[in-house]
């Protein structure tokens, strides 16, 4: 991680950053990485339609069967580049308790190891608190040491881990007490 704190803001998706968003998705694909959060897999050829779909999902409209309302945000660096994406699920289902949790997040491969993951989760926790989520579940693969480090640095307490045969890996479940995030501070 560099010695300077990056300047980035969590924003609602906008056509203003269309090209940068598409480049972020292309980076994940070129690196043969899973698109996390899952909204990165939404078709974006018709960008305006994708933006409308994201807005509808935040209202609980057009969500996949068995899923819940969810809000997507983009972490934009220097008002120009989408460097990360988070998705906040407004409630938990049995499936989300197993894997996925309340918040899924991902940083563009070329922007990693710069403190942006911690910033993305911290700002997502503030948005989650605005939605009334005072206790947040965040999950990650046990092998993803960067994500688990980001979660722990944002107050995550490991509750459990479980081998999921359908994923072929161990998933860790962390809880973050999110009540103190409302004023912009985080639990220590």
N, C-alpha and C. Protein backbone atom coordinates (compact mmCIF):
# COMPACT_ATOMS: atom_id res chain seq x y z
N UNK A 1 0.84 -1.17 0.00
CA UNK A 1 0.00 0.00 0.00
C UNK A 1 0.88 1.23 0.00
N UNK A 2 0.52 2.23 -0.76
CA UNK A 2 1.32 3.45 -0.84
C UNK A 2 1.16 4.25 0.44
N UNK A 3 2.05 5.23 0.65
CA UNK A 3 2.04 6.04 1.87
C UNK A 3 0.97 7.11 1.87
N UNK A 4 0.35 7.40 0.75
CA UNK A 4 -0.66 8.44 0.71
C UNK A 4 -2.06 7.83 0.73
N UNK A 5 -2.99 8.57 1.31
CA UNK A 5 -4.37 8.11 1.36
C UNK A 5 -5.03 8.48 0.03
N UNK A 6 -5.64 7.51 -0.64
CA UNK A 6 -6.27 7.80 -1.93
C UNK A 6 -7.50 8.69 -1.74
N UNK A 7 -7.80 9.47 -2.76
CA UNK A 7 -8.99 10.33 -2.76
C UNK A 7 -10.04 9.64 -3.62
N UNK A 8 -11.07 9.11 -2.95
CA UNK A 8 -12.12 8.42 -3.69
C UNK A 8 -13.44 8.60 -2.94
N UNK A 9 -14.51 8.57 -3.69
CA UNK A 9 -15.85 8.81 -3.14
C UNK A 9 -16.79 7.71 -3.61
N UNK A 10 -17.66 7.25 -2.71
CA UNK A 10 -18.66 6.25 -3.05
C UNK A 10 -19.89 6.97 -3.62
N UNK A 11 -20.24 6.63 -4.85
CA UNK A 11 -21.32 7.33 -5.55
C UNK A 11 -22.31 6.33 -6.14
N UNK A 12 -23.48 6.83 -6.46
CA UNK A 12 -24.45 6.01 -7.19
C UNK A 12 -23.96 5.88 -8.63
N UNK A 13 -24.23 4.75 -9.26
CA UNK A 13 -23.82 4.57 -10.66
C UNK A 13 -24.39 5.66 -11.56
N UNK A 14 -23.59 6.08 -12.54
CA UNK A 14 -23.98 7.16 -13.45
C UNK A 14 -23.33 6.95 -14.81
N UNK A 15 -24.03 7.41 -15.84
CA UNK A 15 -23.50 7.34 -17.21
C UNK A 15 -22.21 8.14 -17.35
N UNK A 16 -22.00 9.06 -16.44
CA UNK A 16 -20.78 9.89 -16.47
C UNK A 16 -19.51 9.02 -16.47
N UNK A 17 -19.59 7.88 -15.79
CA UNK A 17 -18.41 7.01 -15.67
C UNK A 17 -18.55 5.73 -16.48
N UNK A 18 -19.33 5.76 -17.55
CA UNK A 18 -19.60 4.58 -18.37
C UNK A 18 -18.31 3.90 -18.84
N UNK A 19 -17.44 4.65 -19.48
CA UNK A 19 -16.23 4.04 -20.04
C UNK A 19 -15.32 3.46 -18.96
N UNK A 20 -15.21 4.15 -17.84
CA UNK A 20 -14.37 3.66 -16.75
C UNK A 20 -14.97 2.40 -16.13
N UNK A 21 -16.29 2.38 -15.98
CA UNK A 21 -16.96 1.19 -15.44
C UNK A 21 -16.73 0.00 -16.37
N UNK A 22 -16.90 0.21 -17.65
CA UNK A 22 -16.69 -0.88 -18.61
C UNK A 22 -15.25 -1.37 -18.57
N UNK A 23 -14.30 -0.46 -18.38
CA UNK A 23 -12.90 -0.86 -18.27
C UNK A 23 -12.66 -1.68 -17.01
N UNK A 24 -13.35 -1.34 -15.93
CA UNK A 24 -13.23 -2.11 -14.69
C UNK A 24 -13.72 -3.53 -14.92
N UNK A 25 -14.89 -3.69 -15.52
CA UNK A 25 -15.42 -5.03 -15.80
C UNK A 25 -14.46 -5.79 -16.72
N UNK A 26 -13.92 -5.12 -17.71
CA UNK A 26 -12.97 -5.76 -18.63
C UNK A 26 -11.71 -6.23 -17.90
N UNK A 27 -11.26 -5.46 -16.91
CA UNK A 27 -10.09 -5.86 -16.13
C UNK A 27 -10.35 -7.15 -15.36
N UNK A 28 -11.52 -7.24 -14.71
CA UNK A 28 -11.88 -8.46 -13.99
C UNK A 28 -11.90 -9.64 -14.96
N UNK A 29 -12.51 -9.44 -16.12
CA UNK A 29 -12.64 -10.51 -17.11
C UNK A 29 -11.27 -10.93 -17.64
N UNK A 30 -10.42 -9.95 -17.97
CA UNK A 30 -9.08 -10.25 -18.49
C UNK A 30 -8.24 -11.01 -17.47
N UNK A 31 -8.49 -10.75 -16.18
CA UNK A 31 -7.74 -11.43 -15.12
C UNK A 31 -8.38 -12.78 -14.77
N UNK A 32 -9.45 -13.16 -15.49
CA UNK A 32 -10.19 -14.40 -15.24
C UNK A 32 -10.69 -14.48 -13.81
N UNK A 33 -11.12 -13.34 -13.28
CA UNK A 33 -11.63 -13.28 -11.92
C UNK A 33 -13.15 -13.29 -11.91
N UNK A 34 -13.70 -13.85 -10.84
CA UNK A 34 -15.14 -13.84 -10.64
C UNK A 34 -15.59 -12.38 -10.50
N UNK A 35 -16.73 -12.06 -11.11
CA UNK A 35 -17.25 -10.70 -11.05
C UNK A 35 -17.94 -10.49 -9.70
N UNK A 36 -17.24 -9.81 -8.80
CA UNK A 36 -17.74 -9.53 -7.45
C UNK A 36 -17.66 -8.03 -7.22
N UNK A 37 -18.81 -7.43 -6.86
CA UNK A 37 -20.09 -8.04 -6.55
C UNK A 37 -20.80 -8.50 -7.83
N UNK A 38 -21.85 -9.29 -7.62
CA UNK A 38 -22.53 -9.95 -8.73
C UNK A 38 -23.12 -8.98 -9.74
N UNK A 39 -23.40 -7.74 -9.35
CA UNK A 39 -23.99 -6.78 -10.30
C UNK A 39 -23.02 -6.44 -11.44
N UNK A 40 -21.74 -6.75 -11.27
CA UNK A 40 -20.79 -6.54 -12.37
C UNK A 40 -21.14 -7.41 -13.57
N UNK A 41 -21.91 -8.48 -13.33
CA UNK A 41 -22.28 -9.37 -14.43
C UNK A 41 -23.53 -8.89 -15.17
N UNK A 42 -24.16 -7.82 -14.71
CA UNK A 42 -25.32 -7.28 -15.42
C UNK A 42 -24.89 -6.80 -16.80
N UNK A 43 -25.67 -7.13 -17.83
CA UNK A 43 -25.36 -6.67 -19.19
C UNK A 43 -25.28 -5.14 -19.20
N UNK A 44 -24.26 -4.62 -19.87
CA UNK A 44 -24.09 -3.15 -19.90
C UNK A 44 -23.91 -2.61 -21.31
N UNK A 45 -24.31 -3.40 -22.32
CA UNK A 45 -24.28 -2.89 -23.70
C UNK A 45 -25.19 -1.67 -23.81
N UNK A 46 -26.39 -1.79 -23.25
CA UNK A 46 -27.31 -0.65 -23.16
C UNK A 46 -27.11 -0.10 -21.75
N UNK A 47 -26.21 0.87 -21.64
CA UNK A 47 -25.79 1.35 -20.33
C UNK A 47 -26.93 1.99 -19.55
N UNK A 48 -27.75 2.74 -20.23
CA UNK A 48 -28.89 3.39 -19.55
C UNK A 48 -29.84 2.33 -18.99
N UNK A 49 -30.04 1.24 -19.72
CA UNK A 49 -30.91 0.16 -19.23
C UNK A 49 -30.29 -0.48 -17.99
N UNK A 50 -28.98 -0.66 -17.97
CA UNK A 50 -28.32 -1.22 -16.81
C UNK A 50 -28.49 -0.30 -15.61
N UNK A 51 -28.33 1.01 -15.82
CA UNK A 51 -28.51 1.97 -14.73
C UNK A 51 -29.93 1.92 -14.18
N UNK A 52 -30.91 1.81 -15.08
CA UNK A 52 -32.31 1.70 -14.64
C UNK A 52 -32.52 0.42 -13.84
N UNK A 53 -31.88 -0.67 -14.28
CA UNK A 53 -32.01 -1.94 -13.56
C UNK A 53 -31.42 -1.82 -12.15
N UNK A 54 -30.27 -1.17 -12.01
CA UNK A 54 -29.66 -0.98 -10.70
C UNK A 54 -30.56 -0.16 -9.79
N UNK A 55 -31.17 0.89 -10.34
CA UNK A 55 -32.10 1.72 -9.56
C UNK A 55 -33.31 0.90 -9.12
N UNK A 56 -33.84 0.08 -10.02
CA UNK A 56 -35.00 -0.75 -9.69
C UNK A 56 -34.64 -1.75 -8.59
N UNK A 57 -33.47 -2.34 -8.67
CA UNK A 57 -33.05 -3.30 -7.65
C UNK A 57 -32.97 -2.64 -6.27
N UNK A 58 -32.53 -1.39 -6.22
CA UNK A 58 -32.46 -0.67 -4.94
C UNK A 58 -33.85 -0.46 -4.35
N UNK A 59 -34.85 -0.43 -5.20
CA UNK A 59 -36.24 -0.26 -4.75
C UNK A 59 -36.91 -1.61 -4.51
N UNK A 60 -36.19 -2.70 -4.76
CA UNK A 60 -36.76 -4.03 -4.59
C UNK A 60 -37.57 -4.49 -5.79
N UNK A 61 -37.44 -3.76 -6.90
CA UNK A 61 -38.16 -4.09 -8.13
C UNK A 61 -37.20 -4.83 -9.06
N UNK A 62 -37.70 -5.84 -9.75
CA UNK A 62 -36.91 -6.61 -10.70
C UNK A 62 -35.73 -7.35 -10.07
N UNK A 63 -35.85 -7.68 -8.77
CA UNK A 63 -34.78 -8.48 -8.17
C UNK A 63 -35.04 -9.94 -8.49
N UNK A 64 -33.99 -10.71 -8.57
CA UNK A 64 -34.12 -12.12 -8.89
C UNK A 64 -34.93 -12.84 -7.81
N UNK A 65 -35.65 -13.87 -8.22
CA UNK A 65 -36.48 -14.63 -7.29
C UNK A 65 -35.63 -15.13 -6.13
N UNK A 66 -36.15 -14.94 -4.92
CA UNK A 66 -35.44 -15.39 -3.73
C UNK A 66 -34.39 -14.41 -3.25
N UNK A 67 -34.27 -13.27 -3.93
CA UNK A 67 -33.28 -12.29 -3.53
C UNK A 67 -33.99 -11.13 -2.84
N UNK A 68 -33.24 -10.10 -2.48
CA UNK A 68 -33.77 -8.95 -1.75
C UNK A 68 -33.37 -7.65 -2.45
N UNK A 69 -33.99 -6.56 -2.03
CA UNK A 69 -33.58 -5.26 -2.55
C UNK A 69 -32.09 -5.06 -2.26
N UNK A 70 -31.39 -4.45 -3.21
CA UNK A 70 -29.95 -4.24 -3.04
C UNK A 70 -29.52 -2.98 -3.79
N UNK A 71 -28.60 -2.24 -3.16
CA UNK A 71 -28.10 -0.99 -3.72
C UNK A 71 -26.65 -1.14 -4.14
N UNK A 72 -26.34 -0.67 -5.34
CA UNK A 72 -24.98 -0.74 -5.87
C UNK A 72 -24.38 0.66 -5.87
N UNK A 73 -23.11 0.71 -5.48
CA UNK A 73 -22.36 1.97 -5.46
C UNK A 73 -21.01 1.76 -6.15
N UNK A 74 -20.49 2.84 -6.69
CA UNK A 74 -19.18 2.80 -7.32
C UNK A 74 -18.23 3.69 -6.54
N UNK A 75 -17.01 3.19 -6.32
CA UNK A 75 -15.96 3.99 -5.70
C UNK A 75 -15.20 4.66 -6.83
N UNK A 76 -15.28 5.99 -6.88
CA UNK A 76 -14.69 6.76 -7.97
C UNK A 76 -13.50 7.56 -7.43
N UNK A 77 -12.34 7.34 -8.05
CA UNK A 77 -11.12 8.04 -7.64
C UNK A 77 -10.94 9.31 -8.47
N UNK A 78 -10.63 10.39 -7.79
CA UNK A 78 -10.33 11.67 -8.43
C UNK A 78 -11.42 12.11 -9.41
N UNK A 79 -12.67 11.80 -9.09
CA UNK A 79 -13.83 12.21 -9.91
C UNK A 79 -13.75 11.69 -11.35
N UNK A 80 -12.92 10.65 -11.59
CA UNK A 80 -12.69 10.24 -12.97
C UNK A 80 -12.72 8.74 -13.21
N UNK A 81 -12.26 7.94 -12.24
CA UNK A 81 -12.05 6.52 -12.51
C UNK A 81 -12.81 5.65 -11.50
N UNK A 82 -13.61 4.73 -12.02
CA UNK A 82 -14.29 3.76 -11.16
C UNK A 82 -13.25 2.71 -10.77
N UNK A 83 -12.92 2.68 -9.47
CA UNK A 83 -11.89 1.75 -9.00
C UNK A 83 -12.47 0.60 -8.18
N UNK A 84 -13.75 0.71 -7.79
CA UNK A 84 -14.37 -0.35 -7.01
C UNK A 84 -15.88 -0.29 -7.08
N UNK A 85 -16.49 -1.40 -6.71
CA UNK A 85 -17.95 -1.51 -6.73
C UNK A 85 -18.38 -2.24 -5.46
N UNK A 86 -19.43 -1.74 -4.83
CA UNK A 86 -20.02 -2.46 -3.70
C UNK A 86 -21.50 -2.65 -3.95
N UNK A 87 -22.03 -3.70 -3.34
CA UNK A 87 -23.45 -3.99 -3.44
C UNK A 87 -23.93 -4.29 -2.03
N UNK A 88 -24.93 -3.54 -1.58
CA UNK A 88 -25.46 -3.68 -0.23
C UNK A 88 -26.84 -4.32 -0.31
N UNK A 89 -26.95 -5.51 0.30
CA UNK A 89 -28.22 -6.21 0.36
C UNK A 89 -28.96 -5.69 1.58
N UNK A 90 -30.20 -5.25 1.39
CA UNK A 90 -30.96 -4.58 2.44
C UNK A 90 -31.43 -5.53 3.53
N UNK A 91 -31.40 -6.82 3.30
CA UNK A 91 -31.81 -7.84 4.27
C UNK A 91 -31.05 -9.12 3.94
N UNK A 92 -31.18 -10.10 4.82
CA UNK A 92 -30.51 -11.38 4.60
C UNK A 92 -31.53 -12.49 4.39
N UNK A 93 -31.24 -13.35 3.43
CA UNK A 93 -32.00 -14.57 3.23
C UNK A 93 -31.12 -15.71 3.77
N UNK A 94 -31.66 -16.92 3.80
CA UNK A 94 -30.86 -18.07 4.22
C UNK A 94 -29.63 -18.21 3.31
N UNK A 95 -29.82 -18.01 2.01
CA UNK A 95 -28.71 -18.11 1.08
C UNK A 95 -27.64 -17.06 1.31
N UNK A 96 -28.06 -15.83 1.60
CA UNK A 96 -27.09 -14.75 1.86
C UNK A 96 -26.39 -14.96 3.20
N UNK A 97 -27.05 -15.61 4.15
CA UNK A 97 -26.39 -15.93 5.41
C UNK A 97 -25.31 -16.99 5.18
N UNK A 98 -25.52 -17.86 4.22
CA UNK A 98 -24.56 -18.91 3.90
C UNK A 98 -23.35 -18.32 3.19
N UNK A 99 -23.63 -17.50 2.17
CA UNK A 99 -22.56 -16.83 1.42
C UNK A 99 -23.13 -15.56 0.80
N UNK A 100 -22.33 -14.55 0.74
CA UNK A 100 -22.77 -13.28 0.14
C UNK A 100 -22.94 -12.18 1.16
N UNK A 101 -23.69 -12.47 2.23
CA UNK A 101 -23.87 -11.48 3.29
C UNK A 101 -24.61 -10.23 2.84
N UNK A 102 -24.45 -9.17 3.64
CA UNK A 102 -25.09 -7.89 3.34
C UNK A 102 -24.30 -7.06 2.34
N UNK A 103 -22.99 -7.20 2.32
CA UNK A 103 -22.17 -6.36 1.45
C UNK A 103 -21.19 -7.21 0.66
N UNK A 104 -21.23 -7.03 -0.65
CA UNK A 104 -20.22 -7.62 -1.53
C UNK A 104 -19.44 -6.47 -2.13
N UNK A 105 -18.14 -6.64 -2.31
CA UNK A 105 -17.33 -5.55 -2.85
C UNK A 105 -16.15 -6.08 -3.64
N UNK A 106 -15.71 -5.28 -4.59
CA UNK A 106 -14.56 -5.65 -5.40
C UNK A 106 -13.80 -4.42 -5.86
N UNK A 107 -12.49 -4.56 -5.94
CA UNK A 107 -11.61 -3.48 -6.42
C UNK A 107 -11.00 -3.93 -7.74
N UNK A 108 -10.97 -3.01 -8.68
CA UNK A 108 -10.35 -3.26 -9.98
C UNK A 108 -8.92 -3.78 -9.77
N UNK A 109 -8.53 -4.84 -10.48
CA UNK A 109 -7.20 -5.42 -10.26
C UNK A 109 -6.04 -4.42 -10.27
N UNK A 110 -6.04 -3.46 -11.17
CA UNK A 110 -4.93 -2.51 -11.25
C UNK A 110 -4.94 -1.48 -10.12
N UNK A 111 -6.00 -1.46 -9.31
CA UNK A 111 -6.10 -0.47 -8.23
C UNK A 111 -5.94 -1.11 -6.84
N UNK A 112 -5.55 -2.35 -6.80
CA UNK A 112 -5.42 -3.03 -5.52
C UNK A 112 -4.13 -2.64 -4.81
N UNK A 113 -4.10 -2.94 -3.50
CA UNK A 113 -2.94 -2.69 -2.64
C UNK A 113 -2.65 -1.20 -2.50
N UNK A 114 -3.74 -0.41 -2.53
CA UNK A 114 -3.61 1.04 -2.38
C UNK A 114 -4.52 1.58 -1.27
N UNK A 115 -5.13 0.68 -0.50
CA UNK A 115 -6.03 1.10 0.57
C UNK A 115 -7.46 1.34 0.12
N UNK A 116 -7.74 1.09 -1.14
CA UNK A 116 -9.07 1.37 -1.67
C UNK A 116 -10.12 0.36 -1.20
N UNK A 117 -9.73 -0.88 -0.97
CA UNK A 117 -10.67 -1.88 -0.48
C UNK A 117 -11.21 -1.49 0.88
N UNK A 118 -10.32 -1.08 1.78
CA UNK A 118 -10.76 -0.64 3.11
C UNK A 118 -11.65 0.59 3.01
N UNK A 119 -11.28 1.50 2.13
CA UNK A 119 -12.09 2.70 1.93
C UNK A 119 -13.48 2.34 1.39
N UNK A 120 -13.50 1.42 0.42
CA UNK A 120 -14.77 1.01 -0.18
C UNK A 120 -15.69 0.38 0.87
N UNK A 121 -15.16 -0.54 1.67
CA UNK A 121 -16.00 -1.18 2.68
C UNK A 121 -16.42 -0.17 3.74
N UNK A 122 -15.52 0.68 4.19
CA UNK A 122 -15.85 1.69 5.21
C UNK A 122 -16.99 2.59 4.72
N UNK A 123 -16.90 3.08 3.49
CA UNK A 123 -17.95 3.95 2.96
C UNK A 123 -19.24 3.15 2.72
N UNK A 124 -19.13 1.87 2.39
CA UNK A 124 -20.32 1.03 2.21
C UNK A 124 -21.02 0.79 3.54
N UNK A 125 -20.24 0.66 4.61
CA UNK A 125 -20.83 0.50 5.94
C UNK A 125 -21.64 1.74 6.33
N UNK A 126 -21.17 2.90 5.95
CA UNK A 126 -21.91 4.13 6.22
C UNK A 126 -23.23 4.12 5.46
N UNK A 127 -23.20 3.71 4.20
CA UNK A 127 -24.44 3.61 3.40
C UNK A 127 -25.37 2.56 4.01
N UNK A 128 -24.80 1.44 4.47
CA UNK A 128 -25.63 0.40 5.09
C UNK A 128 -26.30 0.93 6.35
N UNK A 129 -25.58 1.71 7.15
CA UNK A 129 -26.17 2.29 8.35
C UNK A 129 -27.31 3.24 7.98
N UNK A 130 -27.17 3.96 6.89
CA UNK A 130 -28.24 4.85 6.42
C UNK A 130 -29.49 4.05 6.05
N UNK A 131 -29.29 2.78 5.66
CA UNK A 131 -30.42 1.89 5.36
C UNK A 131 -30.98 1.22 6.61
N UNK A 132 -30.37 1.52 7.76
CA UNK A 132 -30.83 0.94 9.02
C UNK A 132 -30.17 -0.36 9.39
N UNK A 133 -29.12 -0.76 8.69
CA UNK A 133 -28.43 -2.01 8.98
C UNK A 133 -27.39 -1.76 10.08
N UNK A 134 -27.74 -2.17 11.30
CA UNK A 134 -26.85 -1.93 12.44
C UNK A 134 -25.89 -3.09 12.68
N UNK A 135 -26.17 -4.22 12.09
CA UNK A 135 -25.29 -5.39 12.17
C UNK A 135 -25.21 -5.96 10.76
N UNK A 136 -24.00 -6.04 10.24
CA UNK A 136 -23.78 -6.38 8.84
C UNK A 136 -22.95 -7.64 8.72
N UNK A 137 -23.40 -8.55 7.85
CA UNK A 137 -22.66 -9.77 7.56
C UNK A 137 -21.87 -9.57 6.27
N UNK A 138 -20.57 -9.86 6.33
CA UNK A 138 -19.71 -9.79 5.14
C UNK A 138 -18.98 -11.12 5.05
N UNK A 139 -18.99 -11.72 3.86
CA UNK A 139 -18.35 -13.02 3.68
C UNK A 139 -17.23 -12.91 2.64
N UNK A 140 -16.32 -13.87 2.71
CA UNK A 140 -15.27 -13.96 1.68
C UNK A 140 -14.69 -15.36 1.71
N UNK A 141 -14.02 -15.72 0.63
CA UNK A 141 -13.31 -16.99 0.59
C UNK A 141 -12.15 -16.93 1.57
N UNK A 142 -11.92 -18.00 2.28
CA UNK A 142 -10.82 -18.04 3.25
C UNK A 142 -9.48 -17.77 2.56
N UNK A 143 -9.37 -18.19 1.32
CA UNK A 143 -8.12 -17.99 0.58
C UNK A 143 -7.90 -16.53 0.17
N UNK A 144 -8.93 -15.69 0.27
CA UNK A 144 -8.81 -14.29 -0.12
C UNK A 144 -8.34 -13.46 1.08
N UNK A 145 -7.04 -13.51 1.33
CA UNK A 145 -6.47 -12.84 2.49
C UNK A 145 -6.65 -11.32 2.43
N UNK A 146 -6.64 -10.75 1.23
CA UNK A 146 -6.83 -9.30 1.11
C UNK A 146 -8.22 -8.91 1.59
N UNK A 147 -9.25 -9.64 1.15
CA UNK A 147 -10.61 -9.31 1.57
C UNK A 147 -10.81 -9.52 3.06
N UNK A 148 -10.29 -10.64 3.59
CA UNK A 148 -10.46 -10.85 5.03
C UNK A 148 -9.76 -9.77 5.83
N UNK A 149 -8.61 -9.30 5.35
CA UNK A 149 -7.90 -8.21 6.02
C UNK A 149 -8.70 -6.92 5.99
N UNK A 150 -9.33 -6.64 4.87
CA UNK A 150 -10.17 -5.44 4.74
C UNK A 150 -11.35 -5.54 5.70
N UNK A 151 -11.97 -6.70 5.77
CA UNK A 151 -13.13 -6.89 6.64
C UNK A 151 -12.74 -6.71 8.10
N UNK A 152 -11.65 -7.34 8.52
CA UNK A 152 -11.19 -7.23 9.90
C UNK A 152 -10.81 -5.79 10.22
N UNK A 153 -10.15 -5.11 9.30
CA UNK A 153 -9.75 -3.72 9.56
C UNK A 153 -10.94 -2.77 9.69
N UNK A 154 -12.11 -3.23 9.22
CA UNK A 154 -13.33 -2.43 9.34
C UNK A 154 -14.23 -2.95 10.46
N UNK A 155 -13.66 -3.71 11.39
CA UNK A 155 -14.41 -4.15 12.57
C UNK A 155 -15.00 -5.53 12.47
N UNK A 156 -14.70 -6.28 11.42
CA UNK A 156 -15.27 -7.61 11.24
C UNK A 156 -14.78 -8.60 12.28
N UNK A 157 -15.72 -9.36 12.83
CA UNK A 157 -15.42 -10.42 13.79
C UNK A 157 -15.84 -11.74 13.14
N UNK A 158 -14.87 -12.65 13.02
CA UNK A 158 -15.14 -13.95 12.39
C UNK A 158 -16.15 -14.73 13.22
N UNK A 159 -17.27 -15.09 12.61
CA UNK A 159 -18.28 -15.91 13.27
C UNK A 159 -18.07 -17.38 12.96
N UNK A 160 -17.83 -17.69 11.68
CA UNK A 160 -17.71 -19.08 11.29
C UNK A 160 -17.06 -19.19 9.92
N UNK A 161 -16.68 -20.39 9.60
CA UNK A 161 -16.22 -20.70 8.26
C UNK A 161 -16.73 -22.09 7.91
N UNK A 162 -16.97 -22.29 6.61
CA UNK A 162 -17.58 -23.54 6.17
C UNK A 162 -17.11 -23.85 4.76
N UNK A 163 -16.79 -25.11 4.53
CA UNK A 163 -16.47 -25.55 3.18
C UNK A 163 -17.77 -25.67 2.41
N UNK A 164 -17.86 -24.98 1.27
CA UNK A 164 -19.05 -25.04 0.43
C UNK A 164 -18.70 -25.85 -0.81
N UNK A 165 -19.21 -27.08 -0.90
CA UNK A 165 -18.86 -27.95 -2.03
C UNK A 165 -19.17 -27.34 -3.39
N UNK A 166 -20.29 -26.60 -3.50
CA UNK A 166 -20.65 -26.02 -4.79
C UNK A 166 -19.66 -24.94 -5.23
N UNK A 167 -18.95 -24.34 -4.30
CA UNK A 167 -17.90 -23.36 -4.63
C UNK A 167 -16.51 -23.98 -4.63
N UNK A 168 -16.38 -25.10 -3.95
CA UNK A 168 -15.07 -25.76 -3.87
C UNK A 168 -14.09 -25.00 -3.01
N UNK A 169 -14.62 -24.26 -2.02
CA UNK A 169 -13.73 -23.49 -1.15
C UNK A 169 -14.41 -23.21 0.19
N UNK A 170 -13.59 -22.79 1.14
CA UNK A 170 -14.07 -22.42 2.46
C UNK A 170 -14.50 -20.96 2.43
N UNK A 171 -15.70 -20.69 2.93
CA UNK A 171 -16.21 -19.32 3.02
C UNK A 171 -16.21 -18.91 4.49
N UNK A 172 -15.70 -17.72 4.74
CA UNK A 172 -15.69 -17.16 6.09
C UNK A 172 -16.83 -16.15 6.22
N UNK A 173 -17.43 -16.10 7.43
CA UNK A 173 -18.52 -15.17 7.72
C UNK A 173 -18.10 -14.24 8.85
N UNK A 174 -18.12 -12.96 8.56
CA UNK A 174 -17.74 -11.94 9.54
C UNK A 174 -18.94 -11.03 9.82
N UNK A 175 -19.13 -10.68 11.09
CA UNK A 175 -20.15 -9.70 11.46
C UNK A 175 -19.47 -8.40 11.85
N UNK A 176 -20.08 -7.31 11.44
CA UNK A 176 -19.61 -5.98 11.81
C UNK A 176 -20.76 -5.27 12.50
N UNK A 177 -20.52 -4.85 13.75
CA UNK A 177 -21.52 -4.05 14.47
C UNK A 177 -21.45 -2.66 13.85
N UNK A 178 -22.53 -2.25 13.25
CA UNK A 178 -22.52 -1.08 12.39
C UNK A 178 -23.21 0.13 12.98
N UNK A 179 -23.69 0.07 14.21
CA UNK A 179 -24.42 1.18 14.80
C UNK A 179 -23.60 2.45 14.92
N UNK A 180 -22.30 2.34 15.21
CA UNK A 180 -21.48 3.53 15.41
C UNK A 180 -21.05 4.15 14.09
N UNK A 181 -21.41 3.52 12.98
CA UNK A 181 -21.00 4.06 11.68
C UNK A 181 -21.88 5.25 11.26
N UNK A 182 -23.05 5.37 11.85
CA UNK A 182 -23.98 6.43 11.45
C UNK A 182 -23.35 7.82 11.48
N UNK A 183 -22.47 8.06 12.45
CA UNK A 183 -21.85 9.39 12.53
C UNK A 183 -20.56 9.48 11.72
N UNK A 184 -20.28 8.45 10.94
CA UNK A 184 -19.09 8.47 10.08
C UNK A 184 -17.89 7.79 10.72
N UNK A 185 -18.01 7.42 12.00
CA UNK A 185 -16.89 6.72 12.64
C UNK A 185 -17.10 5.22 12.52
N UNK A 186 -16.07 4.48 12.76
CA UNK A 186 -16.15 3.02 12.69
C UNK A 186 -15.77 2.42 14.03
N UNK A 187 -16.26 1.24 14.30
CA UNK A 187 -15.84 0.56 15.53
C UNK A 187 -14.36 0.27 15.46
N UNK A 188 -13.70 0.29 16.61
CA UNK A 188 -12.27 -0.02 16.66
C UNK A 188 -12.04 -1.36 17.29
